[in-house]
Amino acid sequence: MSVRPDFHQHYVQACQNLGQPENRFIAHVLQEADKNDKIRWTKGITLKIAGNNRLVPVQRVTGDDLQVLVSVLQNTVFITGLDLRFNVLTDAGVKHMATFLQENSTLRYLNLMFNDIGTSGAELIARALHRNETLVYLRMTGNKIGNKGGMFFASMLQINSTLEKLDLGDCDMGTRCLIAITTALTQNKSVKAVNLNRPLLYSQQEETTVRVALMLKNNSSLVELHLCKHEMKNFGVERLCEALYENSSLRYLDLSCNKITCDGVKFLGELLKQNQTLEILDLSANRIEDDGAVYLSEALAWYNRTLQALSVVSNNISGKGLVALSDAMKTNMKLSYIYIWKNKFDEATCVAFSELIQTGRLKPNCTDVEPYKVDGHIDLAELSHGLKKHYYWVPSYGKETNKDANASLAIVTVSEY
């Protein structure tokens, strides 16, 4: 058994050696790690040094703080995850992390979301992953690395064969970058989940969606794909559906916040009648309306027995479509999670979903509505459940156990690898 290190004492000594003041938050996290009994029995733990932690006083991590921290972690085998989200790391500070990644052989999870990393920082991280053979999950969400920064990750995907999850959402990437990434994923066999949310696209031709569809025809390893805010319209959805007839690996498809109407959902409905792999479908914040909901309900009621979770939040659906979806759940026992908030609820909708919940067909933690009665009438109140409930934050009580209802990239922790 490896000798258990004294992280805090090593940190204090490293601060003195490098002439840096102690970061109180890092010191606190390391003291808690020293007390963690899990370190005795597991292969490693994740240090959670998130700058948005509201349970303890936070001193956000700078590049100088990171230099000291990685010097402490350089030779330990106990730390396999590092959560540095919502701090103030810049390109200058990230060079210490890049050096660490090239030399470290135990880190498997790295979360750098919403720091101040730009193009040059992205280049440093991506080039470090040319050599790194242990990291399996990287989150760069919210760092404005731009098109050039994204190109470095596209090049990395042609070389790295270890990384399984890559989150590049909200990174200001453009068309050229997305095409390069999808081209790389055509050949890459290790990546299981990728987030490409909110690129900066200036064309209405949906070239990127067409390239994603071509990738899906040839990729047999991708399980989870996020395409939120891609300006996707019905033409793009049709191309994706054509590709998914030939794809037998994708289980989670996120098409939220696009411009999909009932005509586009008709293609999805036909796909669901034959597809045997999709388990989670997110159509939140589109405009499928009643006709789209009916297309989905017909496929789910009589044909599909694979889909487990569906989100149609904010889709301008009224009673006709919502009741059709509730009726589909009466014949389809596989569909267990459904999210419907911000649509047009009428009395028939409220009664239908109230009955599903009261009979136990729909569990309270598997939907985002809860029935209540006022003056003899049933209404629905909102619950804070959803497919992306813990995308930006981690619950203070520990790991979320309800994975299907929170199936975003954030839920899979390093300990599960």
Protein backbone atom coordinates (compact mmCIF):
# COMPACT_ATOMS: atom_id res chain seq x y z
CA MET A 1 0.00 0.00 0.00
CA SER A 2 1.32 3.48 -0.88
CA VAL A 3 2.28 5.78 1.98
CA ARG A 4 -0.45 8.30 2.58
CA PRO A 5 0.84 11.84 1.89
CA ASP A 6 0.35 14.96 4.00
CA PHE A 7 -0.97 17.26 1.27
CA HIS A 8 -1.39 20.34 3.43
CA GLN A 9 2.08 20.17 4.91
CA HIS A 10 3.59 19.70 1.47
CA TYR A 11 1.59 22.69 0.23
CA VAL A 12 2.83 24.95 3.01
CA GLN A 13 6.40 23.90 2.27
CA ALA A 14 5.94 24.46 -1.49
CA CYS A 15 4.60 27.99 -0.88
CA GLN A 16 7.71 28.78 1.14
CA ASN A 17 10.04 27.28 -1.46
CA LEU A 18 8.43 29.23 -4.33
CA GLY A 19 7.98 32.44 -2.33
CA GLN A 20 4.21 32.42 -2.85
CA PRO A 21 1.53 33.27 -0.27
CA GLU A 22 -0.84 30.48 0.71
CA ASN A 23 -4.25 30.35 -0.91
CA ARG A 24 -6.64 29.79 2.01
CA PHE A 25 -9.14 27.87 -0.10
CA ILE A 26 -6.55 25.48 -1.52
CA ALA A 27 -5.16 24.95 1.98
CA HIS A 28 -8.66 24.11 3.26
CA VAL A 29 -9.31 21.62 0.44
CA LEU A 30 -5.97 19.90 1.03
CA GLN A 31 -6.63 19.67 4.76
CA GLU A 32 -9.96 18.00 4.03
CA ALA A 33 -8.23 15.63 1.60
CA ASP A 34 -5.81 14.64 4.37
CA LYS A 35 -8.81 13.62 6.48
CA ASN A 36 -10.50 11.68 3.68
CA ASP A 37 -10.66 7.98 4.58
CA LYS A 38 -11.49 7.07 0.97
CA ILE A 39 -7.90 7.73 0.03
CA ARG A 40 -6.87 4.64 1.98
CA TRP A 41 -9.09 2.28 0.01
CA THR A 42 -9.48 3.78 -3.46
CA LYS A 43 -7.05 4.50 -6.24
CA GLY A 44 -7.58 8.24 -5.87
CA ILE A 45 -9.83 11.19 -5.15
CA THR A 46 -10.87 14.41 -6.90
CA LEU A 47 -9.77 17.72 -5.40
CA LYS A 48 -12.76 20.07 -5.69
CA ILE A 49 -11.33 23.59 -5.81
CA ALA A 50 -14.29 25.17 -7.63
CA GLY A 51 -14.45 28.95 -7.40
CA ASN A 52 -18.26 28.91 -7.14
CA ASN A 53 -18.34 26.92 -3.89
CA ARG A 54 -20.76 28.71 -1.53
CA LEU A 55 -20.34 26.46 1.47
CA VAL A 56 -16.90 27.73 2.48
CA PRO A 57 -15.01 31.02 2.00
CA VAL A 58 -13.46 30.95 -1.48
CA GLN A 59 -10.22 32.53 -2.64
CA ARG A 60 -10.20 31.96 -6.36
CA VAL A 61 -7.21 30.19 -7.85
CA THR A 62 -4.70 32.21 -9.91
CA GLY A 63 -1.87 31.04 -12.12
CA ASP A 64 0.64 31.50 -9.27
CA ASP A 65 -1.58 29.41 -6.98
CA LEU A 66 -1.73 26.71 -9.65
CA GLN A 67 2.05 26.63 -9.94
CA VAL A 68 2.32 25.78 -6.25
CA LEU A 69 -0.51 23.26 -6.37
CA VAL A 70 0.86 21.22 -9.27
CA SER A 71 4.28 21.10 -7.60
CA VAL A 72 2.57 19.43 -4.63
CA LEU A 73 0.62 16.99 -6.82
CA GLN A 74 3.43 16.17 -9.22
CA ASN A 75 4.61 12.99 -7.51
CA THR A 76 1.43 11.77 -5.83
CA VAL A 77 -0.69 8.87 -7.09
CA PHE A 78 -3.64 9.68 -4.83
CA ILE A 79 -5.13 12.58 -6.84
CA THR A 80 -6.90 11.38 -9.99
CA GLY A 81 -9.27 14.33 -10.47
CA LEU A 82 -8.94 18.12 -10.33
CA ASP A 83 -11.94 20.46 -10.39
CA LEU A 84 -10.82 24.08 -10.98
CA ARG A 85 -14.04 25.46 -12.46
CA PHE A 86 -15.01 29.15 -12.02
CA ASN A 87 -11.55 30.39 -11.08
CA VAL A 88 -9.32 33.09 -12.64
CA LEU A 89 -6.79 31.00 -14.54
CA THR A 90 -5.38 32.71 -17.64
CA ASP A 91 -3.17 31.56 -20.51
CA ALA A 92 -0.09 32.40 -18.43
CA GLY A 93 -1.27 30.23 -15.54
CA VAL A 94 -2.38 27.32 -17.70
CA LYS A 95 1.22 26.67 -18.79
CA HIS A 96 1.79 25.09 -15.35
CA MET A 97 -1.15 22.74 -15.92
CA ALA A 98 0.12 21.86 -19.39
CA THR A 99 3.53 20.91 -17.98
CA PHE A 100 1.78 18.89 -15.27
CA LEU A 101 -0.29 17.00 -17.85
CA GLN A 102 2.80 16.06 -19.84
CA GLU A 103 4.57 14.64 -16.78
CA ASN A 104 1.68 13.29 -14.67
CA SER A 105 0.51 9.71 -15.11
CA THR A 106 -2.46 9.51 -12.72
CA LEU A 107 -4.82 12.44 -13.46
CA ARG A 108 -7.97 11.21 -15.22
CA TYR A 109 -10.40 14.11 -14.77
CA LEU A 110 -9.70 17.84 -15.29
CA ASN A 111 -12.35 20.55 -15.11
CA LEU A 112 -11.26 24.04 -16.24
CA MET A 113 -14.71 25.37 -17.15
CA PHE A 114 -15.35 29.13 -16.95
CA ASN A 115 -11.85 30.41 -16.34
CA ASP A 116 -10.13 33.04 -18.52
CA ILE A 117 -8.30 30.69 -20.87
CA GLY A 118 -7.86 31.87 -24.46
CA THR A 119 -6.30 30.63 -27.68
CA SER A 120 -2.73 30.25 -26.45
CA GLY A 121 -3.89 28.45 -23.30
CA ALA A 122 -5.94 26.07 -25.42
CA GLU A 123 -2.85 25.35 -27.51
CA LEU A 124 -0.83 24.50 -24.40
CA ILE A 125 -3.48 22.11 -23.05
CA ALA A 126 -4.10 20.46 -26.43
CA ARG A 127 -0.40 19.95 -27.12
CA ALA A 128 0.07 18.46 -23.65
CA LEU A 129 -2.57 15.87 -24.54
CA HIS A 130 -0.47 14.77 -27.50
CA ARG A 131 1.75 13.07 -24.92
CA ASN A 132 -0.61 12.48 -22.01
CA GLU A 133 -1.99 8.93 -21.86
CA THR A 134 -4.12 9.00 -18.70
CA LEU A 135 -6.63 11.89 -18.90
CA VAL A 136 -10.06 10.60 -19.89
CA TYR A 137 -12.31 13.60 -19.19
CA LEU A 138 -11.60 17.27 -19.97
CA ARG A 139 -13.98 20.22 -19.57
CA MET A 140 -13.04 23.53 -21.21
CA THR A 141 -16.61 24.90 -21.13
CA GLY A 142 -16.95 28.69 -21.20
CA ASN A 143 -13.32 29.51 -21.95
CA LYS A 144 -13.23 31.73 -25.03
CA ILE A 145 -10.61 29.78 -26.93
CA GLY A 146 -12.11 30.76 -30.28
CA ASN A 147 -11.75 29.12 -33.65
CA LYS A 148 -7.95 28.89 -33.47
CA GLY A 149 -8.04 27.33 -30.01
CA GLY A 150 -10.58 24.78 -31.14
CA MET A 151 -8.37 23.81 -34.07
CA PHE A 152 -5.66 22.75 -31.63
CA PHE A 153 -8.14 20.35 -30.00
CA ALA A 154 -9.15 19.04 -33.42
CA SER A 155 -5.48 18.24 -34.10
CA MET A 156 -5.18 16.63 -30.68
CA LEU A 157 -8.09 14.29 -31.42
CA GLN A 158 -6.13 12.89 -34.37
CA ILE A 159 -3.30 11.85 -32.04
CA ASN A 160 -4.72 11.20 -28.56
CA SER A 161 -6.30 7.79 -28.05
CA THR A 162 -7.11 8.04 -24.33
CA LEU A 163 -9.57 10.92 -23.94
CA GLU A 164 -13.18 9.70 -23.64
CA LYS A 165 -15.12 12.86 -22.77
CA LEU A 166 -14.46 16.34 -24.17
CA ASP A 167 -16.57 19.40 -23.33
CA LEU A 168 -15.97 22.39 -25.61
CA GLY A 169 -19.35 24.05 -25.11
CA ASP A 170 -19.65 27.86 -25.14
CA CYS A 171 -16.03 28.30 -26.31
CA ASP A 172 -16.74 30.67 -29.25
CA MET A 173 -15.65 28.11 -31.85
CA GLY A 174 -16.59 28.66 -35.49
CA THR A 175 -17.51 26.73 -38.61
CA ARG A 176 -13.95 25.82 -39.64
CA CYS A 177 -13.19 24.49 -36.19
CA LEU A 178 -16.37 22.39 -35.94
CA ILE A 179 -15.72 20.84 -39.34
CA ALA A 180 -12.18 19.94 -38.23
CA ILE A 181 -13.42 18.37 -34.99
CA THR A 182 -16.11 16.30 -36.71
CA THR A 183 -13.55 15.17 -39.29
CA ALA A 184 -11.22 14.05 -36.49
CA LEU A 185 -14.06 12.22 -34.74
CA THR A 186 -14.69 10.24 -37.91
CA GLN A 187 -11.42 8.43 -37.23
CA ASN A 188 -11.12 8.76 -33.43
CA LYS A 189 -12.28 5.59 -31.67
CA SER A 190 -11.78 6.62 -28.03
CA VAL A 191 -14.08 9.63 -27.55
CA LYS A 192 -17.45 8.56 -26.10
CA ALA A 193 -19.01 11.97 -25.35
CA VAL A 194 -18.51 15.42 -26.85
CA ASN A 195 -20.14 18.77 -26.17
CA LEU A 196 -20.08 21.33 -29.00
CA ASN A 197 -22.74 23.69 -27.65
CA ARG A 198 -23.12 27.31 -28.78
CA PRO A 199 -20.63 27.79 -31.59
CA LEU A 200 -20.44 31.11 -33.45
CA LEU A 201 -22.02 30.35 -36.82
CA TYR A 202 -22.70 33.00 -39.45
CA SER A 203 -24.09 30.85 -42.27
CA GLN A 204 -27.64 29.63 -42.71
CA GLN A 205 -26.58 26.64 -44.84
CA GLU A 206 -26.08 24.27 -41.86
CA GLU A 207 -22.72 23.05 -43.16
CA THR A 208 -21.66 22.02 -39.66
CA THR A 209 -24.78 19.90 -39.10
CA VAL A 210 -24.17 18.14 -42.42
CA ARG A 211 -20.60 17.38 -41.31
CA VAL A 212 -21.82 16.08 -37.95
CA ALA A 213 -24.22 13.78 -39.82
CA LEU A 214 -21.40 12.46 -41.99
CA MET A 215 -19.36 11.79 -38.86
CA LEU A 216 -22.22 9.87 -37.23
CA LYS A 217 -22.47 7.59 -40.26
CA ASN A 218 -18.86 6.48 -39.74
CA ASN A 219 -18.34 6.79 -36.00
CA SER A 220 -19.19 3.68 -33.99
CA SER A 221 -17.92 4.79 -30.57
CA LEU A 222 -19.68 8.09 -29.79
CA VAL A 223 -22.38 7.64 -27.16
CA GLU A 224 -23.27 11.23 -26.19
CA LEU A 225 -23.51 14.30 -28.46
CA HIS A 226 -24.53 17.85 -27.50
CA LEU A 227 -25.53 20.25 -30.32
CA CYS A 228 -27.32 22.96 -28.34
CA LYS A 229 -27.63 26.42 -29.98
CA HIS A 230 -26.44 25.36 -33.44
CA GLU A 231 -29.11 27.36 -35.31
CA MET A 232 -30.32 23.97 -36.50
CA LYS A 233 -33.47 23.87 -38.60
CA ASN A 234 -35.55 21.10 -40.14
CA PHE A 235 -33.06 20.49 -42.96
CA GLY A 236 -30.32 19.77 -40.42
CA VAL A 237 -32.52 17.45 -38.38
CA GLU A 238 -33.36 15.49 -41.52
CA ARG A 239 -29.63 15.03 -42.25
CA LEU A 240 -28.98 13.85 -38.69
CA CYS A 241 -31.84 11.36 -38.84
CA GLU A 242 -30.58 9.95 -42.12
CA ALA A 243 -27.21 9.35 -40.45
CA LEU A 244 -28.69 7.83 -37.31
CA TYR A 245 -30.40 5.11 -39.32
CA GLU A 246 -26.86 3.81 -39.90
CA ASN A 247 -25.49 4.59 -36.42
CA SER A 248 -25.81 1.99 -33.67
CA SER A 249 -23.87 3.62 -30.82
CA LEU A 250 -25.39 7.04 -29.99
CA ARG A 251 -27.53 6.93 -26.85
CA TYR A 252 -27.86 10.62 -25.89
CA LEU A 253 -28.72 13.33 -28.42
CA ASP A 254 -29.04 16.97 -27.31
CA LEU A 255 -30.76 19.24 -29.85
CA SER A 256 -31.97 21.88 -27.38
CA CYS A 257 -32.21 25.60 -28.16
CA ASN A 258 -32.41 25.25 -31.94
CA LYS A 259 -35.02 26.18 -34.56
CA ILE A 260 -36.69 22.81 -35.00
CA THR A 261 -40.43 22.78 -35.80
CA CYS A 262 -43.00 20.03 -36.13
CA ASP A 263 -41.75 19.27 -39.66
CA GLY A 264 -38.31 18.45 -38.31
CA VAL A 265 -39.74 16.37 -35.49
CA LYS A 266 -41.59 14.29 -38.05
CA PHE A 267 -38.19 12.95 -39.18
CA LEU A 268 -37.29 12.23 -35.55
CA GLY A 269 -40.58 10.40 -35.07
CA GLU A 270 -39.90 8.15 -38.05
CA LEU A 271 -36.36 7.54 -36.75
CA LEU A 272 -37.64 6.52 -33.31
CA LYS A 273 -39.87 3.91 -34.90
CA GLN A 274 -36.77 2.02 -36.04
CA ASN A 275 -33.90 3.21 -33.83
CA GLN A 276 -32.87 0.74 -31.12
CA THR A 277 -30.11 2.71 -29.38
CA LEU A 278 -31.24 6.26 -28.47
CA GLU A 279 -32.06 6.48 -24.77
CA ILE A 280 -32.13 10.24 -24.10
CA LEU A 281 -33.49 12.95 -26.42
CA ASP A 282 -33.40 16.64 -25.49
CA LEU A 283 -35.60 18.92 -27.62
CA SER A 284 -35.92 21.73 -25.07
CA ALA A 285 -36.43 25.29 -26.36
CA ASN A 286 -37.44 24.49 -29.92
CA ARG A 287 -40.92 24.98 -31.41
CA ILE A 288 -42.34 21.54 -32.11
CA GLU A 289 -45.89 22.51 -30.98
CA ASP A 290 -48.80 20.06 -30.84
CA ASP A 291 -48.14 18.37 -34.19
CA GLY A 292 -44.54 17.61 -33.22
CA ALA A 293 -45.59 16.22 -29.86
CA VAL A 294 -48.14 13.99 -31.59
CA TYR A 295 -45.47 12.67 -33.99
CA LEU A 296 -43.28 11.77 -31.02
CA SER A 297 -46.13 10.23 -29.04
CA GLU A 298 -47.18 7.97 -31.94
CA ALA A 299 -43.65 6.61 -32.28
CA LEU A 300 -43.26 6.15 -28.53
CA ALA A 301 -46.68 4.60 -27.96
CA TRP A 302 -46.55 1.90 -30.64
CA TYR A 303 -43.01 1.39 -31.89
CA ASN A 304 -40.06 2.61 -29.81
CA ARG A 305 -39.09 0.73 -26.65
CA THR A 306 -35.61 2.16 -26.19
CA LEU A 307 -35.99 5.85 -25.30
CA GLN A 308 -35.88 6.40 -21.54
CA ALA A 309 -35.82 10.20 -21.19
CA LEU A 310 -37.45 12.96 -23.23
CA SER A 311 -37.39 16.73 -22.70
CA VAL A 312 -39.82 18.99 -24.59
CA VAL A 313 -39.51 21.97 -22.23
CA SER A 314 -40.47 25.32 -23.79
CA ASN A 315 -41.85 24.10 -27.12
CA ASN A 316 -45.20 25.91 -27.38
CA ILE A 317 -47.09 22.64 -26.88
CA SER A 318 -50.69 22.89 -25.68
CA GLY A 319 -53.10 20.34 -24.21
CA LYS A 320 -53.50 18.22 -27.35
CA GLY A 321 -49.79 17.43 -27.65
CA LEU A 322 -49.11 17.09 -23.92
CA VAL A 323 -52.02 14.71 -23.38
CA ALA A 324 -50.81 12.64 -26.35
CA LEU A 325 -47.40 12.30 -24.68
CA SER A 326 -49.01 11.30 -21.38
CA ASP A 327 -51.09 8.68 -23.20
CA ALA A 328 -47.92 7.30 -24.81
CA MET A 329 -46.47 6.68 -21.36
CA LYS A 330 -49.44 4.44 -20.53
CA THR A 331 -48.45 1.95 -23.22
CA ASN A 332 -44.69 2.56 -23.25
CA MET A 333 -43.24 1.36 -19.95
CA LYS A 334 -39.64 2.09 -20.99
CA LEU A 335 -40.05 5.87 -21.14
CA SER A 336 -39.46 6.86 -17.52
CA TYR A 337 -38.38 10.53 -17.58
CA ILE A 338 -40.30 13.34 -19.23
CA TYR A 339 -39.88 17.11 -18.83
CA ILE A 340 -42.65 19.43 -20.03
CA TRP A 341 -42.42 22.76 -18.18
CA LYS A 342 -42.93 26.10 -20.01
CA ASN A 343 -45.60 24.80 -22.35
CA LYS A 344 -49.31 25.66 -22.46
CA PHE A 345 -50.98 23.67 -19.70
CA ASP A 346 -54.74 23.29 -19.79
CA GLU A 347 -56.94 21.33 -17.38
CA ALA A 348 -56.66 18.13 -19.44
CA THR A 349 -52.85 18.32 -19.27
CA CYS A 350 -52.86 18.86 -15.52
CA VAL A 351 -55.23 15.94 -14.95
CA ALA A 352 -53.30 13.61 -17.29
CA PHE A 353 -49.92 14.16 -15.64
CA SER A 354 -51.44 14.17 -12.17
CA GLU A 355 -52.83 10.70 -12.87
CA LEU A 356 -49.47 9.46 -14.15
CA ILE A 357 -47.79 10.62 -10.96
CA GLN A 358 -50.50 9.45 -8.56
CA THR A 359 -50.65 5.97 -10.10
CA GLY A 360 -46.88 5.63 -9.85
CA ARG A 361 -46.35 5.42 -13.61
CA LEU A 362 -44.31 8.64 -13.47
CA LYS A 363 -42.13 9.06 -10.39
CA PRO A 364 -41.92 12.57 -8.85
CA ASN A 365 -38.15 12.80 -9.35
CA CYS A 366 -38.45 11.82 -13.01
CA THR A 367 -40.32 14.89 -14.19
CA ASP A 368 -40.24 18.65 -13.71
CA VAL A 369 -43.88 19.12 -12.64
CA GLU A 370 -45.83 18.37 -9.47
CA PRO A 371 -49.63 18.43 -9.21
CA TYR A 372 -51.48 20.47 -6.58
CA LYS A 373 -55.16 21.26 -6.10
CA VAL A 374 -56.75 24.69 -5.58
CA ASP A 375 -60.52 25.17 -5.29
CA GLY A 376 -61.14 21.73 -6.73
CA HIS A 377 -58.94 22.31 -9.80
CA ILE A 378 -55.65 20.52 -10.45
CA ASP A 379 -52.63 22.59 -11.49
CA LEU A 380 -48.96 21.79 -12.07
CA ALA A 381 -46.04 23.40 -10.25
CA GLU A 382 -42.43 23.40 -11.44
CA LEU A 383 -39.75 21.13 -9.96
CA SER A 384 -36.02 21.67 -10.40
CA HIS A 385 -35.41 18.43 -12.29
CA GLY A 386 -34.04 18.11 -15.80
CA LEU A 387 -31.50 16.57 -18.12
CA LYS A 388 -28.91 19.27 -17.33
CA LYS A 389 -29.66 19.85 -13.68
CA HIS A 390 -26.04 19.50 -12.62
CA TYR A 391 -24.25 20.63 -15.75
CA TYR A 392 -22.78 23.78 -14.20
CA TRP A 393 -22.64 22.78 -10.55
CA VAL A 394 -22.19 19.72 -8.37
CA PRO A 395 -24.53 19.08 -5.41
CA SER A 396 -22.92 19.70 -2.03
CA TYR A 397 -24.18 16.38 -0.67
CA GLY A 398 -22.02 14.41 -3.09
CA LYS A 399 -22.52 12.48 -6.30
CA GLU A 400 -25.99 12.52 -7.86
CA THR A 401 -27.42 9.01 -7.99
CA ASN A 402 -30.27 9.74 -10.41
CA LYS A 403 -28.13 9.55 -13.54
CA ASP A 404 -30.88 9.13 -16.09
CA ALA A 405 -32.55 12.35 -15.01
CA ASN A 406 -29.24 14.21 -15.05
CA ALA A 407 -27.42 12.53 -17.88
CA SER A 408 -25.17 15.41 -18.93
CA LEU A 409 -21.40 15.19 -19.06
CA ALA A 410 -21.10 16.69 -15.58
CA ILE A 411 -22.68 13.70 -13.85
CA VAL A 412 -20.08 11.07 -14.75
CA THR A 413 -17.29 11.41 -12.19
CA VAL A 414 -13.75 10.18 -12.49
CA SER A 415 -14.29 7.43 -9.90
CA GLU A 416 -16.61 5.63 -12.32
CA TYR A 417 -13.91 4.98 -14.89
